[in-house]
């Protein structure tokens, strides 16, 4: 029986730079950085309050076909890849904090039916949604 989501993948163009962004800018913790085989790394980060979930920072490549990997790289370059939804306590305060760190915002905090939402771009071109849930 499935008990939870334990791993999700974010494609990136540089695993070290992506890891540094997620750790140093967004506050995630590094989990794994290991060589799978020559030229291939397994890099994961996670949130300290959620040890069961890891985010794999993966270069577009196998098991993707060459064509699919090229498409993903192209989409990252265009900033057209969606990434994660990240829950925050205070979207406006997080906006101010991340803006001060130089994070690119695609959308400033805005009221939505489910709470307050802002959209950022990571350093690989993925967009990440910050959500402050509405009470209740």
C-alpha atoms as a PDB file:
ATOM      1  CA  UNK A   1       0.000   0.000   0.000  1.00  0.00           C
ATOM      2  CA  UNK A   2       1.252   3.509  -0.794  1.00  0.00           C
ATOM      3  CA  UNK A   3       1.798   5.504   2.392  1.00  0.00           C
ATOM      4  CA  UNK A   4       3.113   8.855   1.128  1.00  0.00           C
ATOM      5  CA  UNK A   5       5.038  10.691  -1.565  1.00  0.00           C
ATOM      6  CA  UNK A   6       8.736  10.274  -0.823  1.00  0.00           C
ATOM      7  CA  UNK A   7      10.504  11.618  -3.915  1.00  0.00           C
ATOM      8  CA  UNK A   8       9.828  14.182  -6.593  1.00  0.00           C
ATOM      9  CA  UNK A   9      12.065  15.429  -9.398  1.00  0.00           C
ATOM     10  CA  UNK A  10      13.018  18.928 -10.431  1.00  0.00           C
ATOM     11  CA  UNK A  11      15.040  19.160 -13.620  1.00  0.00           C
ATOM     12  CA  UNK A  12      17.976  21.528 -13.552  1.00  0.00           C
ATOM     13  CA  UNK A  13      20.834  22.596 -15.788  1.00  0.00           C
ATOM     14  CA  UNK A  14      23.556  22.491 -13.091  1.00  0.00           C
ATOM     15  CA  UNK A  15      23.107  20.224 -10.067  1.00  0.00           C
ATOM     16  CA  UNK A  16      25.576  22.065  -7.844  1.00  0.00           C
ATOM     17  CA  UNK A  17      24.049  25.485  -8.575  1.00  0.00           C
ATOM     18  CA  UNK A  18      20.526  24.076  -8.097  1.00  0.00           C
ATOM     19  CA  UNK A  19      21.475  22.451  -4.787  1.00  0.00           C
ATOM     20  CA  UNK A  20      23.033  25.708  -3.604  1.00  0.00           C
ATOM     21  CA  UNK A  21      19.896  27.674  -4.571  1.00  0.00           C
ATOM     22  CA  UNK A  22      17.530  25.304  -2.777  1.00  0.00           C
ATOM     23  CA  UNK A  23      19.781  25.107   0.303  1.00  0.00           C
ATOM     24  CA  UNK A  24      21.290  28.599   0.604  1.00  0.00           C
ATOM     25  CA  UNK A  25      18.392  30.670  -0.741  1.00  0.00           C
ATOM     26  CA  UNK A  26      15.236  28.667   0.004  1.00  0.00           C
ATOM     27  CA  UNK A  27      16.448  27.029   3.223  1.00  0.00           C
ATOM     28  CA  UNK A  28      16.190  23.355   2.311  1.00  0.00           C
ATOM     29  CA  UNK A  29      18.760  20.921   3.666  1.00  0.00           C
ATOM     30  CA  UNK A  30      21.111  18.863   1.521  1.00  0.00           C
ATOM     31  CA  UNK A  31      20.311  15.152   1.689  1.00  0.00           C
ATOM     32  CA  UNK A  32      22.281  13.099  -0.858  1.00  0.00           C
ATOM     33  CA  UNK A  33      25.064  13.960  -3.278  1.00  0.00           C
ATOM     34  CA  UNK A  34      26.487  10.739  -4.673  1.00  0.00           C
ATOM     35  CA  UNK A  35      27.940   9.464  -7.908  1.00  0.00           C
ATOM     36  CA  UNK A  36      25.593   6.952  -9.513  1.00  0.00           C
ATOM     37  CA  UNK A  37      28.096   5.982 -12.223  1.00  0.00           C
ATOM     38  CA  UNK A  38      30.844   7.985 -13.914  1.00  0.00           C
ATOM     39  CA  UNK A  39      29.370  11.299 -14.999  1.00  0.00           C
ATOM     40  CA  UNK A  40      26.014  10.842 -13.237  1.00  0.00           C
ATOM     41  CA  UNK A  41      25.123  12.302  -9.823  1.00  0.00           C
ATOM     42  CA  UNK A  42      22.171  11.706  -7.547  1.00  0.00           C
ATOM     43  CA  UNK A  43      21.506  15.001  -5.734  1.00  0.00           C
ATOM     44  CA  UNK A  44      18.610  15.492  -3.340  1.00  0.00           C
ATOM     45  CA  UNK A  45      17.444  18.182  -0.941  1.00  0.00           C
ATOM     46  CA  UNK A  46      14.578  18.265   1.503  1.00  0.00           C
ATOM     47  CA  UNK A  47      12.786  20.344   4.104  1.00  0.00           C
ATOM     48  CA  UNK A  48      13.920  19.815   7.687  1.00  0.00           C
ATOM     49  CA  UNK A  49      10.312  19.310   8.856  1.00  0.00           C
ATOM     50  CA  UNK A  50       9.612  16.651   6.216  1.00  0.00           C
ATOM     51  CA  UNK A  51      12.274  13.940   6.353  1.00  0.00           C
ATOM     52  CA  UNK A  52      10.055  11.599   4.328  1.00  0.00           C
ATOM     53  CA  UNK A  53      10.191  13.764   1.178  1.00  0.00           C
ATOM     54  CA  UNK A  54      13.233  14.365  -0.993  1.00  0.00           C
ATOM     55  CA  UNK A  55      13.522  16.535  -4.094  1.00  0.00           C
ATOM     56  CA  UNK A  56      15.844  15.096  -6.730  1.00  0.00           C
ATOM     57  CA  UNK A  57      17.735  17.749  -8.668  1.00  0.00           C
ATOM     58  CA  UNK A  58      18.261  15.956 -11.948  1.00  0.00           C
ATOM     59  CA  UNK A  59      19.948  16.860 -15.197  1.00  0.00           C
ATOM     60  CA  UNK A  60      17.788  16.110 -18.228  1.00  0.00           C
ATOM     61  CA  UNK A  61      19.155  12.807 -19.502  1.00  0.00           C
ATOM     62  CA  UNK A  62      18.585   9.072 -19.115  1.00  0.00           C
ATOM     63  CA  UNK A  63      16.028   7.613 -18.675  1.00  0.00           C
ATOM     64  CA  UNK A  64      14.699  10.386 -20.959  1.00  0.00           C
ATOM     65  CA  UNK A  65      15.353   9.922 -24.657  1.00  0.00           C
ATOM     66  CA  UNK A  66      17.827  12.349 -26.231  1.00  0.00           C
ATOM     67  CA  UNK A  67      14.887  14.163 -27.832  1.00  0.00           C
ATOM     68  CA  UNK A  68      12.976  14.434 -24.552  1.00  0.00           C
ATOM     69  CA  UNK A  69      16.079  15.612 -22.657  1.00  0.00           C
ATOM     70  CA  UNK A  70      16.697  18.295 -25.292  1.00  0.00           C
ATOM     71  CA  UNK A  71      13.062  19.405 -24.971  1.00  0.00           C
ATOM     72  CA  UNK A  72      13.381  19.693 -21.171  1.00  0.00           C
ATOM     73  CA  UNK A  73      16.626  21.691 -21.482  1.00  0.00           C
ATOM     74  CA  UNK A  74      14.915  23.975 -23.992  1.00  0.00           C
ATOM     75  CA  UNK A  75      11.910  24.489 -21.719  1.00  0.00           C
ATOM     76  CA  UNK A  76      14.167  25.226 -18.739  1.00  0.00           C
ATOM     77  CA  UNK A  77      15.999  27.791 -20.840  1.00  0.00           C
ATOM     78  CA  UNK A  78      12.685  29.444 -21.683  1.00  0.00           C
ATOM     79  CA  UNK A  79      11.543  29.380 -18.049  1.00  0.00           C
ATOM     80  CA  UNK A  80       8.562  27.267 -19.032  1.00  0.00           C
ATOM     81  CA  UNK A  81       8.902  24.377 -16.557  1.00  0.00           C
ATOM     82  CA  UNK A  82       6.657  24.140 -13.527  1.00  0.00           C
ATOM     83  CA  UNK A  83       8.185  22.881 -10.339  1.00  0.00           C
ATOM     84  CA  UNK A  84       6.767  22.769  -6.852  1.00  0.00           C
ATOM     85  CA  UNK A  85       4.125  24.326  -4.683  1.00  0.00           C
ATOM     86  CA  UNK A  86       5.706  25.512  -1.436  1.00  0.00           C
ATOM     87  CA  UNK A  87       3.572  26.343   1.581  1.00  0.00           C
ATOM     88  CA  UNK A  88       4.621  29.439   3.514  1.00  0.00           C
ATOM     89  CA  UNK A  89       3.349  30.982   6.767  1.00  0.00           C
ATOM     90  CA  UNK A  90       3.315  34.550   5.438  1.00  0.00           C
ATOM     91  CA  UNK A  91       3.560  35.001   1.674  1.00  0.00           C
ATOM     92  CA  UNK A  92       4.238  38.728   1.826  1.00  0.00           C
ATOM     93  CA  UNK A  93       7.047  38.314   4.380  1.00  0.00           C
ATOM     94  CA  UNK A  94       8.543  35.473   2.318  1.00  0.00           C
ATOM     95  CA  UNK A  95       8.308  37.708  -0.756  1.00  0.00           C
ATOM     96  CA  UNK A  96      10.286  40.427   1.043  1.00  0.00           C
ATOM     97  CA  UNK A  97      12.882  37.937   2.347  1.00  0.00           C
ATOM     98  CA  UNK A  98      13.451  36.207  -0.989  1.00  0.00           C
ATOM     99  CA  UNK A  99      13.392  39.468  -2.951  1.00  0.00           C
ATOM    100  CA  UNK A 100      16.206  40.729  -0.704  1.00  0.00           C
ATOM    101  CA  UNK A 101      18.160  37.588  -1.663  1.00  0.00           C
ATOM    102  CA  UNK A 102      17.719  38.394  -5.349  1.00  0.00           C
ATOM    103  CA  UNK A 103      15.112  35.748  -6.153  1.00  0.00           C
ATOM    104  CA  UNK A 104      13.222  36.435  -9.385  1.00  0.00           C
ATOM    105  CA  UNK A 105       9.480  36.801  -8.841  1.00  0.00           C
ATOM    106  CA  UNK A 106       7.155  36.121 -11.745  1.00  0.00           C
ATOM    107  CA  UNK A 107       4.159  37.175  -9.657  1.00  0.00           C
ATOM    108  CA  UNK A 108       4.068  39.253  -6.501  1.00  0.00           C
ATOM    109  CA  UNK A 109       1.834  38.074  -3.646  1.00  0.00           C
ATOM    110  CA  UNK A 110      -1.806  38.122  -4.703  1.00  0.00           C
ATOM    111  CA  UNK A 111      -5.066  37.125  -3.045  1.00  0.00           C
ATOM    112  CA  UNK A 112      -6.569  33.906  -4.369  1.00  0.00           C
ATOM    113  CA  UNK A 113      -9.665  31.970  -3.238  1.00  0.00           C
ATOM    114  CA  UNK A 114      -7.389  29.527  -1.367  1.00  0.00           C
ATOM    115  CA  UNK A 115      -5.035  32.114   0.183  1.00  0.00           C
ATOM    116  CA  UNK A 116      -2.131  34.313  -0.885  1.00  0.00           C
ATOM    117  CA  UNK A 117       0.073  33.178  -3.752  1.00  0.00           C
ATOM    118  CA  UNK A 118       3.349  34.349  -5.300  1.00  0.00           C
ATOM    119  CA  UNK A 119       5.418  32.729  -8.052  1.00  0.00           C
ATOM    120  CA  UNK A 120       9.216  32.616  -8.202  1.00  0.00           C
ATOM    121  CA  UNK A 121      11.720  31.203 -10.639  1.00  0.00           C
ATOM    122  CA  UNK A 122      14.594  29.022  -9.465  1.00  0.00           C
ATOM    123  CA  UNK A 123      18.057  29.340 -10.993  1.00  0.00           C
ATOM    124  CA  UNK A 124      17.301  26.626 -13.574  1.00  0.00           C
ATOM    125  CA  UNK A 125      14.154  28.258 -14.929  1.00  0.00           C
ATOM    126  CA  UNK A 126      11.523  26.265 -12.989  1.00  0.00           C
ATOM    127  CA  UNK A 127       8.684  28.260 -11.533  1.00  0.00           C
ATOM    128  CA  UNK A 128       7.723  27.581  -7.928  1.00  0.00           C
ATOM    129  CA  UNK A 129       4.460  28.658  -6.343  1.00  0.00           C
ATOM    130  CA  UNK A 130       4.530  30.035  -2.795  1.00  0.00           C
ATOM    131  CA  UNK A 131       1.177  29.584  -1.066  1.00  0.00           C
ATOM    132  CA  UNK A 132      -0.058  30.956   2.234  1.00  0.00           C
ATOM    133  CA  UNK A 133      -3.197  28.939   2.838  1.00  0.00           C
ATOM    134  CA  UNK A 134      -6.374  30.700   3.810  1.00  0.00           C
ATOM    135  CA  UNK A 135      -7.463  29.816   7.361  1.00  0.00           C
ATOM    136  CA  UNK A 136     -10.062  27.092   7.502  1.00  0.00           C
END
